[in-house]
């Protein structure tokens, strides 16, 4: 009897050791793959952003062929006074592109919006630019940015649309180079051009929240973003600054399933059950990502990452809590879109990947000196620093190096706790409004009456709603907005 028990324990221990060995080999292989991706990101950034040539489209078109330069409508959705708003919007009016071949539409939902004052100043300063304000929104879903864009989307003169967030500044040649990328001969053809967000080193960041956000965007995000777009296995688009054709968007419906050409919904008029065009993405919070994925999967077109960056203006006094809240929000949004990738995200971070690798080496009997983890972190920050410098196109001033290293290290240490907090919830807050994420990436607005209830009651309500015992009607707590409401 005793021998059987010992044998049983030994078998169990052997199975456990075998599983640990398999996990250890998985860890080593993953570490090598991860470093391959990191180095690909570094090399791609250095190659892509080393030079930004002047486009032929920046020059006036031939007098006998004025339409040889593609027309572009630039859409800028606005809400309130963002930092550096005047300069950001002015950069759109100063694009090196024939004046008669582009227009700028500033979109505000409310005639009382403070951003209109800035817009009116710019319209008076640049009367020769075809620019105007579009006031009023059309509610097509829960996403306020899409609602704000709908009127301008329909009224735009040109098929090529360039949509930029209000906190983005663009270099004068960005428009011309982006049109070059969109219209290049390729198979499959290019359906969308986007730009990696970048916070310039000269940005006056006075708080650790702003510095950590800048460190994230300029290193971890940029490196992985460029690497994944270089691999081009699937769509990977953040937003901020996207260019695409309205005629393409009119033929997608957000199902992300390839289908034969469909008849676009009328630009004006009542909606149909199967919405197409921009209105189809009003039900998503990450509308840019879903629109890009729809173009990729439904029309079988590809994306081009421009050699320009989208200079991202951050609030200089952004608190650390705001950075954490922003990261929690977008991890929860990604969890609803790509669950598997979100769950594996910690293994792409320097601290957790390093710990997993050190454990794997020990399991395989490899000596792990105490300084090996430090070497791992040193190698990682070195790659990230060179990514940062390549995007800036110049050396980072030495007086900023210590601040960068401290912000980078703080971001790396916060990565796993932030991820852990994000994956255990599904409620997000954006511009003062709370939303509930669905599993398919859609969102519902949380009813204010529900917000007044204790947290445990809200959690209990979400639990019963998920089981289907109660509905998510407005009285139930989650407001499903009407599909379309014309003004």
Foldseek 3Di string as FASTA:
>chain_A
DVVVVVVVVVVVVVVVLVVLLVLLVVLVVVVVVLVVLLVLLLVLLLVLQLDDDFFPQLDQDPPVCNCPRAAEEEEEEDAADDPPLLQQVVLVVLASHPQVRYEYEYFYAAPPGPVVVSVVVSCVVCVSHRYDYDYHFWDQFQAVRLRRCLVVLLPPPGFKYKYAYSQWHFHNRPVNQQVCQQPPDDVVHAFKEDAQEAAALPAQADELQVLLVRLCSQFVVSSNQSSCLVVQPADDHQDRIMIGGQVLQQQFQLPLAADPGDDGDDSDDDADPRHTHSSSQNQFNRSVRSSRSRSCRHVVHGYHYHSTHTHGHDDNHDYNVNSLQVLLQVLLLVCLAPVVCSVCVVCSFLPSSLVSNLSSCVSVVHDDDPCPSVVSVVVSVVSRQSSNCSNNSHHNDPVCVVVNVVSNVVSSVCVVVSSVVNVVAQWHDDPRWIWGAHSNRGIFTFAVVLVPDDPVVNVVLVVCCVVVVDDQDNVSTTHTDDNIDDD
